[in-house]
Structures are given as structure tokens and as C-alpha cells.
């Protein structure tokens, strides 16, 4: 049974908590913090199981919440008790409070974007309370064409509970990964984590992201064909290629033109050399292969005009010198 105590005897929630800590915290953790704050103000006692039941969340969420707030220095955990501390003891003013008596895992650095550990029993209980989540797992099994393991079911639970994805978004995530030829959950988890970090929280945003990714993949395939490469591009090569498409706005035809010039001039594929050509075209407003011919023709005309001007100057100087000799 935990005893909640208030060091600073303040009942109102501090603006520091609202402005600094609450926006970054998981919603369940905020609920636990506020409940504990009220309990401390009234001197009530409660264990994690009763808090979880009252807030209609999992016991694991309550345990993870207290560890989360402890690592941020807003509570102290001692002998199973939770003590709320003032803002003077928060991170930035003092190191995070230690957590005596807890295991090594509880004291490890907390990754905000990575789901906390949750037991299979808690996941099973969550599925009983949330039929929609259970339906999502059933449809996921149909997409993946196999029954899901307990670990894979836990992953989908985390997608919905921790990352805040709804069933449609989870299924869209799976469809995208399957389309990439990736069905293993290690890959799927990384994609889900990336989506969460990038704020992809509905199917409209996911659709925009997927279309952009498919467009990038198509452009890369076209460039690979132009270069006659069978291998994948390196990370540095991809930076050049993605820049040509997104930053400079060039089509594969323009890349092909730059590649031909590169091969004619130096006899081999060179991304930096091609990049100089494409940057030069971009600065000159060259966007199509036809523009290259127009610019070349204009340059020849300009050069011809300059040569005629030079010849006229030479002739004028010759005449002036002839007159001076007289």
C-alpha cells in the first residue's frame, strides 16, 4: 500500500508541469500523476492495482508512470511510497532522483518514444476490455496470413495504446510494410516508431507519407536503371539522388542527360560530378532536355557575337595605329 505525501503542500497543478512536462508525456502517465497529486493532497493511500482499476488502465501503465515521473525528478519513490517534490527539485536544477529498492531495469534511461514492457496477461486483459483492438488483431492476422505470436500481439497493442494509432492506421501500417516485402515485426516496429516520431497519427497523413515514399522509391529505381546498377544505392548516393528530385526538381530524363555528359567527360559514374552539372542547370533555369539545347545554342551565339566584337576592336586598333604612323 503506497502512502502519498506532499512536500510543498500545494494542491494546484503547477504551470511548470502543464507547460513543460505534460505535453511530452503519455496520456496515461498524466492521469496517474494527477490522481496521485490529488491523493497526496488529501492524505489518501492507494496501491497500483486500485489506481489502475479507478483510472481504467493497466497496472503496468501505473508502474511505468511512476518510474517516468521519478526519472524526471517530479516524484521520489522510496520504500513503495510516492512523494511529490517541488519544481526546485526538477531536472535542470538537480539530477533526477534515485529510486532505491527497485531493479536495474527500472533505473535505466527511459526512451520516451519506445513502448514500456507490458505483460502478456495485461495485454489479454486489454483485449477483453477493447473489442476494437481484438478486431484489429484478427484483421492483421488475415493480412499477414498467419496467427500472431504473443509478442506480435503485444506489438499491435503498443501501436494502439502507446503510439495512439487507431485500427485503420495499424492496418495501413501493416499493408505498407507488406508492400515493401517486410513482414517481420522488428521492421514493422521501427516503421511504427518512425511514424509516431514524425506525427503520423491518422490515415490521411500516412497516405501522404506512403505516396512520397513510393515516389522516392520509383525515382531511385529509374536512376538505377539509367546507371545500369543492380546493387542498392549507398547512403551518400541516396542523398544526391533524393536532392535531385526534391530540392532541384529534376526528372529522370535530366539525370540521364547529366549521366551521359559525365560518362563522355570522365568515363565513369560520379555522383559529385553529376551533381555539379545538375546544380549548374538548376541555377540557369534548365529543367528539360530541350532547355539544354536552347542554352547551348544561345551560348554559341553569344560567343560568336563576342568574337565578332573582338575582331571589330582589333580592326579599329589597327586603323588607329596606321593613322598614327602617318
Protein backbone atom coordinates (compact mmCIF):
# COMPACT_ATOMS: atom_id res chain seq x y z
CA UNK A 1 0.00 0.00 0.00
CA UNK A 2 1.63 3.26 -1.13
CA UNK A 3 1.47 6.36 1.04
CA UNK A 4 1.21 9.62 -0.92
CA UNK A 5 2.80 12.66 0.67
CA UNK A 6 3.04 16.29 -0.42
CA UNK A 7 6.34 18.04 0.37
CA UNK A 8 5.34 21.52 -0.75
CA UNK A 9 1.67 21.28 0.41
CA UNK A 10 0.39 22.83 -2.82
CA UNK A 11 -2.80 21.39 -4.26
CA UNK A 12 -2.94 23.30 -7.62
CA UNK A 13 -1.05 21.80 -10.56
CA UNK A 14 1.99 23.92 -11.30
CA UNK A 15 2.20 25.78 -14.59
CA UNK A 16 5.70 24.29 -14.96
CA UNK A 17 4.16 20.82 -15.09
CA UNK A 18 1.48 21.89 -17.57
CA UNK A 19 3.81 23.79 -19.90
CA UNK A 20 7.00 21.75 -19.67
CA UNK A 21 6.20 18.17 -18.73
CA UNK A 22 2.61 17.38 -19.64
CA UNK A 23 2.86 17.97 -23.45
CA UNK A 24 5.62 15.36 -23.80
CA UNK A 25 4.11 12.73 -21.50
CA UNK A 26 1.93 9.77 -22.43
CA UNK A 27 -1.72 10.45 -21.60
CA UNK A 28 -1.98 7.57 -19.13
CA UNK A 29 1.03 8.91 -17.24
CA UNK A 30 -0.60 12.33 -16.89
CA UNK A 31 -3.73 10.67 -15.47
CA UNK A 32 -1.67 8.77 -12.91
CA UNK A 33 0.26 11.89 -11.91
CA UNK A 34 -2.89 13.98 -11.42
CA UNK A 35 -4.63 11.23 -9.47
CA UNK A 36 -1.60 10.80 -7.22
CA UNK A 37 -1.39 14.57 -6.73
CA UNK A 38 -5.00 14.69 -5.53
CA UNK A 39 -4.47 11.66 -3.28
CA UNK A 40 -1.39 13.28 -1.75
CA UNK A 41 -3.30 16.49 -1.06
CA UNK A 42 -5.99 14.54 0.80
CA UNK A 43 -3.60 12.11 2.52
CA UNK A 44 -5.20 9.07 0.89
CA UNK A 45 -3.46 5.72 0.39
CA UNK A 46 -3.74 3.54 -2.71
CA UNK A 47 -1.82 0.70 -4.31
CA UNK A 48 -1.07 0.47 -8.03
CA UNK A 49 -3.85 -2.07 -8.58
CA UNK A 50 -6.55 0.18 -7.13
CA UNK A 51 -5.23 3.20 -9.08
CA UNK A 52 -5.29 1.15 -12.30
CA UNK A 53 -8.85 0.00 -11.61
CA UNK A 54 -10.08 3.50 -10.83
CA UNK A 55 -8.43 5.05 -13.92
CA UNK A 56 -9.38 2.06 -16.09
CA UNK A 57 -5.84 1.46 -17.24
CA UNK A 58 -3.33 -1.37 -16.80
CA UNK A 59 -1.28 -1.90 -13.66
CA UNK A 60 1.83 -1.80 -15.88
CA UNK A 61 0.85 1.71 -17.00
CA UNK A 62 0.68 2.87 -13.38
CA UNK A 63 4.08 1.35 -12.56
CA UNK A 64 5.67 2.82 -15.68
CA UNK A 65 4.09 6.20 -14.94
CA UNK A 66 5.69 6.47 -11.51
CA UNK A 67 9.07 5.46 -12.97
CA UNK A 68 8.63 8.04 -15.74
CA UNK A 69 7.88 10.90 -13.31
CA UNK A 70 10.67 9.75 -11.00
CA UNK A 71 13.20 9.93 -13.82
CA UNK A 72 12.04 13.49 -14.50
CA UNK A 73 12.52 14.42 -10.85
CA UNK A 74 8.87 15.26 -10.14
CA UNK A 75 8.34 12.43 -7.65
CA UNK A 76 10.55 10.39 -5.32
CA UNK A 77 9.97 6.64 -4.91
CA UNK A 78 11.05 5.34 -1.51
CA UNK A 79 10.02 2.05 0.10
CA UNK A 80 6.97 1.80 -2.16
CA UNK A 81 5.81 5.34 -1.33
CA UNK A 82 5.39 8.23 -3.79
CA UNK A 83 6.44 11.73 -2.71
CA UNK A 84 5.70 14.73 -4.93
CA UNK A 85 8.50 17.29 -4.91
CA UNK A 86 8.61 20.95 -5.83
CA UNK A 87 9.82 22.36 -9.14
CA UNK A 88 13.12 23.26 -7.47
CA UNK A 89 13.92 19.54 -7.49
CA UNK A 90 13.01 19.02 -11.13
CA UNK A 91 15.52 18.28 -13.92
CA UNK A 92 17.67 21.24 -14.80
CA UNK A 93 18.01 22.21 -11.14
CA UNK A 94 19.06 18.84 -9.70
CA UNK A 95 19.90 15.41 -11.11
CA UNK A 96 16.92 13.03 -11.34
CA UNK A 97 16.05 11.40 -8.04
CA UNK A 98 17.32 7.88 -7.49
CA UNK A 99 14.89 5.02 -6.94
CA UNK A 100 16.13 2.89 -4.01
CA UNK A 101 14.99 -0.70 -3.84
CA UNK A 102 13.94 -1.00 -7.49
CA UNK A 103 15.54 -3.34 -10.02
CA UNK A 104 18.18 -2.34 -12.57
CA UNK A 105 15.65 -2.17 -15.42
CA UNK A 106 13.64 0.46 -13.56
CA UNK A 107 16.75 2.63 -13.20
CA UNK A 108 17.76 2.51 -16.87
CA UNK A 109 17.44 5.58 -19.07
CA UNK A 110 13.86 5.98 -20.30
CA UNK A 111 13.16 6.14 -24.03
CA UNK A 112 10.06 8.31 -24.49
CA UNK A 113 9.29 7.03 -27.96
CA UNK A 114 9.68 3.34 -27.14
CA UNK A 115 6.80 1.42 -25.51
CA UNK A 116 7.42 0.18 -21.97
CA UNK A 117 7.40 -3.51 -21.15
CA UNK A 118 3.94 -4.98 -20.63
CA UNK A 119 2.99 -8.49 -19.60
CA UNK A 120 1.00 -10.84 -21.84
CA UNK A 121 -1.62 -11.05 -19.08
CA UNK A 122 -2.16 -7.30 -19.19
CA UNK A 123 -2.42 -7.38 -22.98
CA UNK A 124 -5.01 -10.17 -22.78
CA UNK A 125 -6.99 -8.13 -20.27
CA UNK A 126 -6.81 -5.07 -22.52
CA UNK A 127 -8.17 -7.09 -25.44
CA UNK A 128 -11.11 -8.18 -23.33
CA UNK A 129 -11.88 -4.55 -22.49
CA UNK A 130 -11.37 -3.32 -26.06
CA UNK A 131 -13.19 -5.38 -28.73
CA UNK A 132 -11.98 -2.96 -31.45
CA UNK A 133 -8.37 -3.83 -30.65
CA UNK A 134 -9.21 -7.52 -30.84
CA UNK A 135 -10.82 -7.00 -34.26
CA UNK A 136 -7.70 -5.19 -35.47
CA UNK A 137 -5.53 -8.15 -34.45
CA UNK A 138 -7.86 -10.54 -36.29
CA UNK A 139 -7.60 -8.46 -39.48
CA UNK A 140 -3.83 -8.19 -39.02
CA UNK A 141 -3.62 -11.98 -38.99
CA UNK A 142 -5.53 -12.06 -42.26
CA UNK A 143 -3.16 -9.52 -43.84
CA UNK A 144 -0.06 -11.37 -42.66
CA UNK A 145 -1.63 -14.74 -43.47
CA UNK A 146 -0.64 -16.32 -40.17
CA UNK A 147 -1.66 -16.42 -36.50
CA UNK A 148 0.16 -13.80 -34.47
CA UNK A 149 2.51 -14.75 -31.65
CA UNK A 150 2.07 -13.24 -28.16
CA UNK A 151 4.97 -10.86 -28.88
CA UNK A 152 3.39 -9.73 -32.17
CA UNK A 153 0.04 -9.19 -30.47
CA UNK A 154 1.84 -7.09 -27.84
CA UNK A 155 3.38 -5.03 -30.66
CA UNK A 156 -0.03 -4.23 -32.11
CA UNK A 157 -1.29 -3.40 -28.62
CA UNK A 158 1.60 -0.95 -28.25
CA UNK A 159 0.87 0.60 -31.65
CA UNK A 160 -2.65 1.40 -30.48
CA UNK A 161 -2.07 2.14 -26.81
CA UNK A 162 1.39 3.76 -26.75
CA UNK A 163 1.57 5.36 -30.20
CA UNK A 164 -2.14 6.23 -30.25
CA UNK A 165 -2.88 4.58 -33.61
CA UNK A 166 -6.43 3.55 -34.40
CA UNK A 167 -7.27 0.25 -36.07
CA UNK A 168 -7.33 1.71 -39.59
CA UNK A 169 -3.88 3.24 -39.18
CA UNK A 170 -2.41 0.00 -37.81
CA UNK A 171 -3.74 -1.95 -40.79
CA UNK A 172 -2.41 0.72 -43.16
CA UNK A 173 0.99 0.39 -41.48
CA UNK A 174 0.94 -3.38 -42.00
CA UNK A 175 -0.14 -3.04 -45.64
CA UNK A 176 2.71 -0.59 -46.28
CA UNK A 177 5.32 -2.89 -44.71
CA UNK A 178 3.96 -5.93 -46.57
CA UNK A 179 4.19 -3.96 -49.84
CA UNK A 180 7.89 -3.41 -49.06
CA UNK A 181 8.29 -7.18 -48.74
CA UNK A 182 8.72 -6.90 -44.96
CA UNK A 183 6.52 -8.98 -42.69
CA UNK A 184 8.77 -9.32 -39.64
CA UNK A 185 7.72 -7.29 -36.64
CA UNK A 186 11.20 -5.96 -35.94
CA UNK A 187 10.90 -3.97 -39.18
CA UNK A 188 7.23 -3.11 -38.57
CA UNK A 189 8.06 -1.80 -35.08
CA UNK A 190 10.75 0.50 -36.49
CA UNK A 191 8.33 1.91 -39.06
CA UNK A 192 5.66 2.43 -36.38
CA UNK A 193 8.19 4.22 -34.17
CA UNK A 194 9.20 6.45 -37.10
CA UNK A 195 5.58 7.28 -37.90
CA UNK A 196 4.94 8.21 -34.28
CA UNK A 197 8.06 10.39 -34.14
CA UNK A 198 7.01 12.15 -37.38
CA UNK A 199 3.48 12.82 -36.14
CA UNK A 200 1.74 10.34 -38.47
CA UNK A 201 -1.39 9.81 -36.38
CA UNK A 202 -4.15 9.32 -38.96
CA UNK A 203 -4.63 7.61 -42.32
CA UNK A 204 -4.56 10.89 -44.30
CA UNK A 205 -1.07 11.74 -43.05
CA UNK A 206 0.01 8.15 -43.59
CA UNK A 207 -1.30 8.25 -47.17
CA UNK A 208 0.77 11.37 -47.91
CA UNK A 209 3.85 9.73 -46.38
CA UNK A 210 3.38 6.48 -48.31
CA UNK A 211 2.87 8.28 -51.63
CA UNK A 212 6.04 10.29 -51.05
CA UNK A 213 7.98 7.15 -50.13
CA UNK A 214 6.69 5.32 -53.21
CA UNK A 215 7.62 8.29 -55.41
CA UNK A 216 11.15 8.29 -53.96
CA UNK A 217 11.46 4.55 -54.49
CA UNK A 218 10.29 4.84 -58.11
CA UNK A 219 12.75 7.67 -58.84
CA UNK A 220 15.59 5.68 -57.29
CA UNK A 221 14.68 2.67 -59.44
CA UNK A 222 14.69 4.82 -62.57
CA UNK A 223 18.12 6.21 -61.68
CA UNK A 224 19.45 2.72 -61.01
CA UNK A 225 18.28 1.70 -64.47
CA UNK A 226 19.93 4.77 -66.06
CA UNK A 227 23.24 3.94 -64.37
CA UNK A 228 22.95 0.23 -65.15
CA UNK A 229 23.30 -0.68 -61.49
CA UNK A 230 21.95 -3.86 -59.93
CA UNK A 231 23.12 -3.09 -56.39
CA UNK A 232 21.35 -0.82 -53.92
CA UNK A 233 22.48 2.78 -53.59
CA UNK A 234 24.71 3.74 -50.70
CA UNK A 235 23.54 6.30 -48.14
CA UNK A 236 25.67 9.06 -49.70
CA UNK A 237 24.39 8.22 -53.19
CA UNK A 238 20.81 8.39 -51.96
CA UNK A 239 21.43 11.90 -50.60
CA UNK A 240 22.42 13.07 -54.07
CA UNK A 241 19.53 11.29 -55.80
CA UNK A 242 16.86 12.47 -53.35
CA UNK A 243 18.22 16.02 -53.60
CA UNK A 244 17.97 15.96 -57.42
CA UNK A 245 14.31 15.01 -57.17
CA UNK A 246 13.11 17.05 -54.19
CA UNK A 247 15.45 20.06 -53.97
CA UNK A 248 16.27 20.61 -57.64
CA UNK A 249 13.06 19.17 -59.11
CA UNK A 250 14.72 17.19 -61.91
CA UNK A 251 13.12 14.34 -63.84
CA UNK A 252 14.87 11.03 -64.66
CA UNK A 253 15.40 12.36 -68.22
CA UNK A 254 17.54 15.20 -66.86
CA UNK A 255 19.50 12.77 -64.69
CA UNK A 256 20.10 10.68 -67.82
CA UNK A 257 21.42 13.76 -69.65
CA UNK A 258 23.81 14.55 -66.79
CA UNK A 259 24.91 10.92 -66.68
CA UNK A 260 25.71 10.89 -70.43
CA UNK A 261 27.80 14.06 -70.08
CA UNK A 262 29.61 12.57 -67.08
CA UNK A 263 30.47 9.35 -68.94
CA UNK A 264 31.64 11.32 -72.01
CA UNK A 265 33.85 13.60 -69.92
CA UNK A 266 35.37 11.32 -67.27
CA UNK A 267 34.40 7.84 -68.42
CA UNK A 268 32.69 6.64 -65.23
CA UNK A 269 29.74 7.22 -62.89
CA UNK A 270 30.46 10.03 -60.43
CA UNK A 271 27.68 11.41 -58.25
CA UNK A 272 29.63 14.57 -57.25
CA UNK A 273 30.43 15.31 -60.92
CA UNK A 274 26.79 14.80 -61.93
CA UNK A 275 25.69 16.93 -59.02
CA UNK A 276 27.79 19.87 -60.29
CA UNK A 277 26.18 19.54 -63.72
CA UNK A 278 22.67 19.42 -62.29
CA UNK A 279 23.31 22.30 -59.88
CA UNK A 280 24.58 24.38 -62.82
CA UNK A 281 21.44 23.61 -64.81
CA UNK A 282 19.26 24.44 -61.84
CA UNK A 283 20.94 27.84 -61.43
CA UNK A 284 20.43 28.54 -65.15
CA UNK A 285 16.76 27.53 -65.04
CA UNK A 286 17.31 24.43 -67.19
CA UNK A 287 14.52 21.95 -66.42
CA UNK A 288 14.07 19.89 -69.63
CA UNK A 289 16.44 18.27 -72.12
CA UNK A 290 15.18 20.78 -74.74
CA UNK A 291 16.34 23.61 -72.44
CA UNK A 292 19.89 22.26 -72.62
CA UNK A 293 19.99 22.64 -76.42
CA UNK A 294 18.48 26.13 -76.20
CA UNK A 295 21.05 27.24 -73.62
CA UNK A 296 23.90 25.69 -75.65
CA UNK A 297 22.71 27.41 -78.84
CA UNK A 298 22.37 30.74 -77.05
CA UNK A 299 25.85 30.35 -75.60
CA UNK A 300 27.28 29.63 -79.07
CA UNK A 301 25.51 32.71 -80.44
CA UNK A 302 26.76 34.84 -77.55
CA UNK A 303 30.27 33.52 -78.04
CA UNK A 304 30.03 34.26 -81.77
CA UNK A 305 28.91 37.79 -81.04
CA UNK A 306 31.77 38.27 -78.60
CA UNK A 307 34.24 37.03 -81.23
CA UNK A 308 32.84 39.49 -83.79
CA UNK A 309 33.13 42.30 -81.25
CA UNK A 310 36.72 41.33 -80.53
CA UNK A 311 37.53 41.30 -84.25
CA UNK A 312 35.96 44.76 -84.66
CA UNK A 313 38.05 46.11 -81.80
CA UNK A 314 41.22 44.62 -83.29
CA UNK A 315 40.42 46.18 -86.68
CA UNK A 316 39.74 49.55 -85.06
CA UNK A 317 43.03 49.44 -83.19
CA UNK A 318 44.85 48.52 -86.42
CA UNK A 319 43.37 51.54 -88.19
CA UNK A 320 44.21 53.87 -85.32
CA UNK A 321 47.78 52.67 -85.25
CA UNK A 322 48.02 53.13 -89.04
CA UNK A 323 46.80 56.72 -88.77
CA UNK A 324 49.31 57.47 -86.00
CA UNK A 325 52.16 56.21 -88.22
CA UNK A 326 51.19 58.71 -90.88
